[in-house]
PDB file of N, CA and C in Angstrom:
ATOM      1  N   MET A   1     191.304   5.878  70.334  1.00  0.00           N
ATOM      2  CA  MET A   1     191.565   6.373  68.991  1.00  0.00           C
ATOM      3  C   MET A   1     191.595   5.242  67.967  1.00  0.00           C
ATOM      4  N   ASN A   2     192.106   4.087  68.390  1.00  0.00           N
ATOM      5  CA  ASN A   2     192.202   2.980  67.446  1.00  0.00           C
ATOM      6  C   ASN A   2     190.831   2.561  66.933  1.00  0.00           C
ATOM      7  N   THR A   3     189.818   2.606  67.801  1.00  0.00           N
ATOM      8  CA  THR A   3     188.471   2.238  67.373  1.00  0.00           C
ATOM      9  C   THR A   3     187.952   3.236  66.354  1.00  0.00           C
ATOM     10  N   VAL A   4     188.213   4.509  66.574  1.00  0.00           N
ATOM     11  CA  VAL A   4     187.785   5.537  65.627  1.00  0.00           C
ATOM     12  C   VAL A   4     188.464   5.305  64.275  1.00  0.00           C
ATOM     13  N   LEU A   5     189.754   5.027  64.282  1.00  0.00           N
ATOM     14  CA  LEU A   5     190.474   4.757  63.036  1.00  0.00           C
ATOM     15  C   LEU A   5     189.929   3.507  62.351  1.00  0.00           C
ATOM     16  N   LYS A   6     189.557   2.505  63.131  1.00  0.00           N
ATOM     17  CA  LYS A   6     188.999   1.279  62.559  1.00  0.00           C
ATOM     18  C   LYS A   6     187.662   1.569  61.883  1.00  0.00           C
ATOM     19  N   ILE A   7     186.811   2.336  62.546  1.00  0.00           N
ATOM     20  CA  ILE A   7     185.514   2.697  61.967  1.00  0.00           C
ATOM     21  C   ILE A   7     185.731   3.483  60.672  1.00  0.00           C
ATOM     22  N   LEU A   8     186.631   4.447  60.702  1.00  0.00           N
ATOM     23  CA  LEU A   8     186.926   5.242  59.507  1.00  0.00           C
ATOM     24  C   LEU A   8     187.415   4.365  58.360  1.00  0.00           C
ATOM     25  N   SER A   9     188.279   3.414  58.669  1.00  0.00           N
ATOM     26  CA  SER A   9     188.813   2.553  57.611  1.00  0.00           C
ATOM     27  C   SER A   9     187.758   1.603  57.060  1.00  0.00           C
ATOM     28  N   GLU A  10     186.747   1.287  57.859  1.00  0.00           N
ATOM     29  CA  GLU A  10     185.638   0.467  57.354  1.00  0.00           C
ATOM     30  C   GLU A  10     184.767   1.278  56.400  1.00  0.00           C
ATOM     31  N   ILE A  11     184.645   2.563  56.667  1.00  0.00           N
ATOM     32  CA  ILE A  11     183.827   3.431  55.813  1.00  0.00           C
ATOM     33  C   ILE A  11     184.561   3.761  54.519  1.00  0.00           C
ATOM     34  N   ARG A  12     185.839   4.114  54.620  1.00  0.00           N
ATOM     35  CA  ARG A  12     186.635   4.492  53.445  1.00  0.00           C
ATOM     36  C   ARG A  12     187.986   3.772  53.498  1.00  0.00           C
ATOM     37  N   PRO A  13     188.016   2.482  53.153  1.00  0.00           N
ATOM     38  CA  PRO A  13     189.246   1.699  53.275  1.00  0.00           C
ATOM     39  C   PRO A  13     190.393   2.155  52.373  1.00  0.00           C
ATOM     40  N   GLU A  14     190.096   2.964  51.378  1.00  0.00           N
ATOM     41  CA  GLU A  14     191.139   3.396  50.459  1.00  0.00           C
ATOM     42  C   GLU A  14     192.041   4.498  51.025  1.00  0.00           C
ATOM     43  N   PHE A  15     191.680   5.042  52.194  1.00  0.00           N
ATOM     44  CA  PHE A  15     192.458   6.133  52.788  1.00  0.00           C
ATOM     45  C   PHE A  15     193.167   5.694  54.057  1.00  0.00           C
ATOM     46  N   ASP A  16     194.325   6.302  54.321  1.00  0.00           N
ATOM     47  CA  ASP A  16     195.039   6.109  55.579  1.00  0.00           C
ATOM     48  C   ASP A  16     194.764   7.342  56.435  1.00  0.00           C
ATOM     49  N   PHE A  17     193.777   7.239  57.295  1.00  0.00           N
ATOM     50  CA  PHE A  17     193.344   8.376  58.099  1.00  0.00           C
ATOM     51  C   PHE A  17     194.392   8.822  59.111  1.00  0.00           C
ATOM     52  N   SER A  18     195.338   7.953  59.432  1.00  0.00           N
ATOM     53  CA  SER A  18     196.359   8.324  60.412  1.00  0.00           C
ATOM     54  C   SER A  18     197.355   9.345  59.855  1.00  0.00           C
ATOM     55  N   THR A  19     197.324   9.578  58.548  1.00  0.00           N
ATOM     56  CA  THR A  19     198.275  10.513  57.938  1.00  0.00           C
ATOM     57  C   THR A  19     197.682  11.893  57.670  1.00  0.00           C
ATOM     58  N   SER A  20     196.393  12.068  57.942  1.00  0.00           N
ATOM     59  CA  SER A  20     195.728  13.335  57.618  1.00  0.00           C
ATOM     60  C   SER A  20     195.453  14.158  58.870  1.00  0.00           C
ATOM     61  N   GLU A  21     195.560  15.463  58.717  1.00  0.00           N
ATOM     62  CA  GLU A  21     195.209  16.367  59.807  1.00  0.00           C
ATOM     63  C   GLU A  21     193.829  16.969  59.610  1.00  0.00           C
ATOM     64  N   ASP A  22     193.241  16.808  58.427  1.00  0.00           N
ATOM     65  CA  ASP A  22     191.898  17.322  58.163  1.00  0.00           C
ATOM     66  C   ASP A  22     191.223  16.448  57.110  1.00  0.00           C
ATOM     67  N   PHE A  23     190.416  15.511  57.586  1.00  0.00           N
ATOM     68  CA  PHE A  23     189.766  14.547  56.703  1.00  0.00           C
ATOM     69  C   PHE A  23     188.852  15.210  55.675  1.00  0.00           C
ATOM     70  N   ILE A  24     188.201  16.272  56.065  1.00  0.00           N
ATOM     71  CA  ILE A  24     187.258  16.952  55.172  1.00  0.00           C
ATOM     72  C   ILE A  24     188.029  17.708  54.080  1.00  0.00           C
ATOM     73  N   ALA A  25     188.985  18.524  54.484  1.00  0.00           N
ATOM     74  CA  ALA A  25     189.766  19.305  53.526  1.00  0.00           C
ATOM     75  C   ALA A  25     190.560  18.416  52.575  1.00  0.00           C
ATOM     76  N   ASP A  26     190.998  17.262  53.068  1.00  0.00           N
ATOM     77  CA  ASP A  26     191.772  16.342  52.240  1.00  0.00           C
ATOM     78  C   ASP A  26     190.887  15.470  51.345  1.00  0.00           C
ATOM     79  N   GLY A  27     189.571  15.651  51.435  1.00  0.00           N
ATOM     80  CA  GLY A  27     188.650  14.906  50.582  1.00  0.00           C
ATOM     81  C   GLY A  27     188.473  13.447  50.969  1.00  0.00           C
ATOM     82  N   MET A  28     188.787  13.126  52.190  1.00  0.00           N
ATOM     83  CA  MET A  28     188.680  11.740  52.649  1.00  0.00           C
ATOM     84  C   MET A  28     187.268  11.388  53.102  1.00  0.00           C
ATOM     85  N   LEU A  29     186.534  12.380  53.580  1.00  0.00           N
ATOM     86  CA  LEU A  29     185.149  12.181  54.011  1.00  0.00           C
ATOM     87  C   LEU A  29     184.256  13.204  53.330  1.00  0.00           C
ATOM     88  N   ASP A  30     183.099  12.727  52.858  1.00  0.00           N
ATOM     89  CA  ASP A  30     182.091  13.649  52.339  1.00  0.00           C
ATOM     90  C   ASP A  30     180.876  13.584  53.264  1.00  0.00           C
ATOM     91  N   SER A  31     179.818  14.287  52.917  1.00  0.00           N
ATOM     92  CA  SER A  31     178.660  14.371  53.809  1.00  0.00           C
ATOM     93  C   SER A  31     178.006  13.009  54.055  1.00  0.00           C
ATOM     94  N   LEU A  32     177.949  12.167  53.053  1.00  0.00           N
ATOM     95  CA  LEU A  32     177.373  10.830  53.236  1.00  0.00           C
ATOM     96  C   LEU A  32     178.256   9.997  54.167  1.00  0.00           C
ATOM     97  N   ASP A  33     179.561  10.131  54.028  1.00  0.00           N
ATOM     98  CA  ASP A  33     180.480   9.425  54.921  1.00  0.00           C
ATOM     99  C   ASP A  33     180.292   9.881  56.366  1.00  0.00           C
ATOM    100  N   VAL A  34     180.073  11.166  56.568  1.00  0.00           N
ATOM    101  CA  VAL A  34     179.872  11.695  57.917  1.00  0.00           C
ATOM    102  C   VAL A  34     178.601  11.106  58.529  1.00  0.00           C
ATOM    103  N   VAL A  35     177.545  11.014  57.754  1.00  0.00           N
ATOM    104  CA  VAL A  35     176.299  10.417  58.252  1.00  0.00           C
ATOM    105  C   VAL A  35     176.546   8.955  58.634  1.00  0.00           C
ATOM    106  N   THR A  36     177.263   8.226  57.785  1.00  0.00           N
ATOM    107  CA  THR A  36     177.594   6.832  58.073  1.00  0.00           C
ATOM    108  C   THR A  36     178.460   6.734  59.325  1.00  0.00           C
ATOM    109  N   LEU A  37     179.403   7.647  59.469  1.00  0.00           N
ATOM    110  CA  LEU A  37     180.273   7.678  60.632  1.00  0.00           C
ATOM    111  C   LEU A  37     179.484   7.954  61.906  1.00  0.00           C
ATOM    112  N   VAL A  38     178.576   8.902  61.857  1.00  0.00           N
ATOM    113  CA  VAL A  38     177.742   9.217  63.023  1.00  0.00           C
ATOM    114  C   VAL A  38     176.961   7.977  63.452  1.00  0.00           C
ATOM    115  N   SER A  39     176.381   7.290  62.506  1.00  0.00           N
ATOM    116  CA  SER A  39     175.622   6.081  62.808  1.00  0.00           C
ATOM    117  C   SER A  39     176.510   5.018  63.460  1.00  0.00           C
ATOM    118  N   ALA A  40     177.696   4.819  62.918  1.00  0.00           N
ATOM    119  CA  ALA A  40     178.620   3.827  63.469  1.00  0.00           C
ATOM    120  C   ALA A  40     179.079   4.209  64.875  1.00  0.00           C
ATOM    121  N   ILE A  41     179.356   5.486  65.082  1.00  0.00           N
ATOM    122  CA  ILE A  41     179.775   5.967  66.404  1.00  0.00           C
ATOM    123  C   ILE A  41     178.642   5.794  67.402  1.00  0.00           C
ATOM    124  N   ASP A  42     177.431   6.197  67.012  1.00  0.00           N
ATOM    125  CA  ASP A  42     176.270   6.041  67.890  1.00  0.00           C
ATOM    126  C   ASP A  42     176.111   4.585  68.322  1.00  0.00           C
ATOM    127  N   LYS A  43     176.228   3.689  67.373  1.00  0.00           N
ATOM    128  CA  LYS A  43     176.044   2.269  67.652  1.00  0.00           C
ATOM    129  C   LYS A  43     177.174   1.722  68.515  1.00  0.00           C
ATOM    130  N   HIS A  44     178.415   2.007  68.146  1.00  0.00           N
ATOM    131  CA  HIS A  44     179.557   1.447  68.865  1.00  0.00           C
ATOM    132  C   HIS A  44     179.661   1.980  70.294  1.00  0.00           C
ATOM    133  N   TYR A  45     179.507   3.288  70.458  1.00  0.00           N
ATOM    134  CA  TYR A  45     179.692   3.908  71.768  1.00  0.00           C
ATOM    135  C   TYR A  45     178.388   4.054  72.551  1.00  0.00           C
ATOM    136  N   ARG A  46     177.288   3.652  71.945  1.00  0.00           N
ATOM    137  CA  ARG A  46     175.962   3.724  72.584  1.00  0.00           C
ATOM    138  C   ARG A  46     175.650   5.140  73.059  1.00  0.00           C
ATOM    139  N   ILE A  47     175.848   6.074  72.141  1.00  0.00           N
ATOM    140  CA  ILE A  47     175.555   7.477  72.404  1.00  0.00           C
ATOM    141  C   ILE A  47     174.663   7.988  71.285  1.00  0.00           C
ATOM    142  N   SER A  48     174.175   9.202  71.461  1.00  0.00           N
ATOM    143  CA  SER A  48     173.379   9.846  70.425  1.00  0.00           C
ATOM    144  C   SER A  48     173.954  11.240  70.180  1.00  0.00           C
ATOM    145  N   ILE A  49     174.476  11.423  68.995  1.00  0.00           N
ATOM    146  CA  ILE A  49     175.055  12.711  68.638  1.00  0.00           C
ATOM    147  C   ILE A  49     173.946  13.609  68.096  1.00  0.00           C
ATOM    148  N   ALA A  50     173.805  14.779  68.700  1.00  0.00           N
ATOM    149  CA  ALA A  50     172.769  15.723  68.297  1.00  0.00           C
ATOM    150  C   ALA A  50     173.036  16.251  66.890  1.00  0.00           C
ATOM    151  N   GLY A  51     171.982  16.520  66.174  1.00  0.00           N
ATOM    152  CA  GLY A  51     172.093  17.058  64.823  1.00  0.00           C
ATOM    153  C   GLY A  51     172.895  18.345  64.763  1.00  0.00           C
ATOM    154  N   THR A  52     172.828  19.141  65.807  1.00  0.00           N
ATOM    155  CA  THR A  52     173.559  20.409  65.839  1.00  0.00           C
ATOM    156  C   THR A  52     175.072  20.200  65.909  1.00  0.00           C
ATOM    157  N   GLU A  53     175.495  18.986  66.286  1.00  0.00           N
ATOM    158  CA  GLU A  53     176.922  18.692  66.368  1.00  0.00           C
ATOM    159  C   GLU A  53     177.460  18.024  65.107  1.00  0.00           C
ATOM    160  N   ILE A  54     176.577  17.784  64.142  1.00  0.00           N
ATOM    161  CA  ILE A  54     177.009  17.151  62.897  1.00  0.00           C
ATOM    162  C   ILE A  54     177.418  18.249  61.917  1.00  0.00           C
ATOM    163  N   VAL A  55     178.616  18.762  62.177  1.00  0.00           N
ATOM    164  CA  VAL A  55     179.214  19.808  61.353  1.00  0.00           C
ATOM    165  C   VAL A  55     180.619  19.344  60.959  1.00  0.00           C
ATOM    166  N   PRO A  56     181.119  19.776  59.820  1.00  0.00           N
ATOM    167  CA  PRO A  56     182.420  19.295  59.338  1.00  0.00           C
ATOM    168  C   PRO A  56     183.553  19.424  60.353  1.00  0.00           C
ATOM    169  N   GLU A  57     183.572  20.483  61.124  1.00  0.00           N
ATOM    170  CA  GLU A  57     184.656  20.701  62.078  1.00  0.00           C
ATOM    171  C   GLU A  57     184.790  19.552  63.071  1.00  0.00           C
ATOM    172  N   ASN A  58     183.658  18.932  63.454  1.00  0.00           N
ATOM    173  CA  ASN A  58     183.692  17.856  64.436  1.00  0.00           C
ATOM    174  C   ASN A  58     184.186  16.534  63.863  1.00  0.00           C
ATOM    175  N   PHE A  59     184.385  16.469  62.555  1.00  0.00           N
ATOM    176  CA  PHE A  59     184.804  15.227  61.899  1.00  0.00           C
ATOM    177  C   PHE A  59     186.077  15.410  61.085  1.00  0.00           C
ATOM    178  N   SER A  60     186.838  16.446  61.392  1.00  0.00           N
ATOM    179  CA  SER A  60     188.021  16.768  60.600  1.00  0.00           C
ATOM    180  C   SER A  60     189.254  15.955  60.971  1.00  0.00           C
ATOM    181  N   SER A  61     189.269  15.373  62.172  1.00  0.00           N
ATOM    182  CA  SER A  61     190.430  14.598  62.615  1.00  0.00           C
ATOM    183  C   SER A  61     190.009  13.596  63.679  1.00  0.00           C
ATOM    184  N   THR A  62     190.897  12.669  63.984  1.00  0.00           N
ATOM    185  CA  THR A  62     190.568  11.709  65.045  1.00  0.00           C
ATOM    186  C   THR A  62     190.431  12.425  66.390  1.00  0.00           C
ATOM    187  N   ALA A  63     191.228  13.446  66.624  1.00  0.00           N
ATOM    188  CA  ALA A  63     191.126  14.195  67.878  1.00  0.00           C
ATOM    189  C   ALA A  63     189.770  14.881  68.003  1.00  0.00           C
ATOM    190  N   MET A  64     189.296  15.475  66.916  1.00  0.00           N
ATOM    191  CA  MET A  64     187.986  16.148  66.945  1.00  0.00           C
ATOM    192  C   MET A  64     186.853  15.131  67.116  1.00  0.00           C
ATOM    193  N   ILE A  65     186.966  13.982  66.470  1.00  0.00           N
ATOM    194  CA  ILE A  65     185.951  12.936  66.612  1.00  0.00           C
ATOM    195  C   ILE A  65     185.965  12.399  68.041  1.00  0.00           C
ATOM    196  N   ALA A  66     187.146  12.199  68.602  1.00  0.00           N
ATOM    197  CA  ALA A  66     187.259  11.728  69.986  1.00  0.00           C
ATOM    198  C   ALA A  66     186.628  12.722  70.953  1.00  0.00           C
ATOM    199  N   ALA A  67     186.867  14.008  70.732  1.00  0.00           N
ATOM    200  CA  ALA A  67     186.269  15.038  71.582  1.00  0.00           C
ATOM    201  C   ALA A  67     184.745  15.017  71.471  1.00  0.00           C
ATOM    202  N   LEU A  68     184.240  14.822  70.272  1.00  0.00           N
ATOM    203  CA  LEU A  68     182.796  14.731  70.059  1.00  0.00           C
ATOM    204  C   LEU A  68     182.215  13.540  70.811  1.00  0.00           C
ATOM    205  N   ILE A  69     182.881  12.398  70.717  1.00  0.00           N
ATOM    206  CA  ILE A  69     182.421  11.202  71.433  1.00  0.00           C
ATOM    207  C   ILE A  69     182.416  11.466  72.925  1.00  0.00           C
ATOM    208  N   HIS A  70     183.486  12.044  73.428  1.00  0.00           N
ATOM    209  CA  HIS A  70     183.605  12.334  74.859  1.00  0.00           C
ATOM    210  C   HIS A  70     182.516  13.306  75.336  1.00  0.00           C
ATOM    211  N   ARG A  71     182.267  14.352  74.561  1.00  0.00           N
ATOM    212  CA  ARG A  71     181.224  15.335  74.916  1.00  0.00           C
ATOM    213  C   ARG A  71     179.848  14.701  75.018  1.00  0.00           C
ATOM    214  N   ASN A  72     179.653  13.646  74.269  1.00  0.00           N
ATOM    215  CA  ASN A  72     178.346  12.986  74.233  1.00  0.00           C
ATOM    216  C   ASN A  72     178.279  11.777  75.154  1.00  0.00           C
ATOM    217  N   GLY A  73     179.245  11.631  76.023  1.00  0.00           N
ATOM    218  CA  GLY A  73     179.203  10.592  77.035  1.00  0.00           C
ATOM    219  C   GLY A  73     179.857   9.281  76.675  1.00  0.00           C
ATOM    220  N   GLY A  74     180.507   9.217  75.533  1.00  0.00           N
ATOM    221  CA  GLY A  74     181.183   7.996  75.132  1.00  0.00           C
ATOM    222  C   GLY A  74     182.563   7.908  75.724  1.00  0.00           C
ATOM    223  N   ARG A  75     183.014   6.678  75.920  1.00  0.00           N
ATOM    224  CA  ARG A  75     184.367   6.465  76.441  1.00  0.00           C
ATOM    225  C   ARG A  75     185.202   5.794  75.374  1.00  0.00           C
ATOM    226  N   LEU A  76     186.372   6.343  75.152  1.00  0.00           N
ATOM    227  CA  LEU A  76     187.276   5.793  74.141  1.00  0.00           C
ATOM    228  C   LEU A  76     188.104   4.667  74.711  1.00  0.00           C
TER     229      LEU A  76
END
């Protein structure tokens, strides 16, 4: 989880992602941020996230992002 939080803070350093339960609803991530996040996750975890999985629900929290990474073969 710490790596996910680190990646998020590199993308949007002005937010404390550890305090939010829904990054999208709280306005912390927009669609461009999600694309940047997918790229960073792909690179860091050496996985490829399918386009069909790039939906707001999968990026709403660290738990949802961790589950997405795990589903795609990444290890946290």
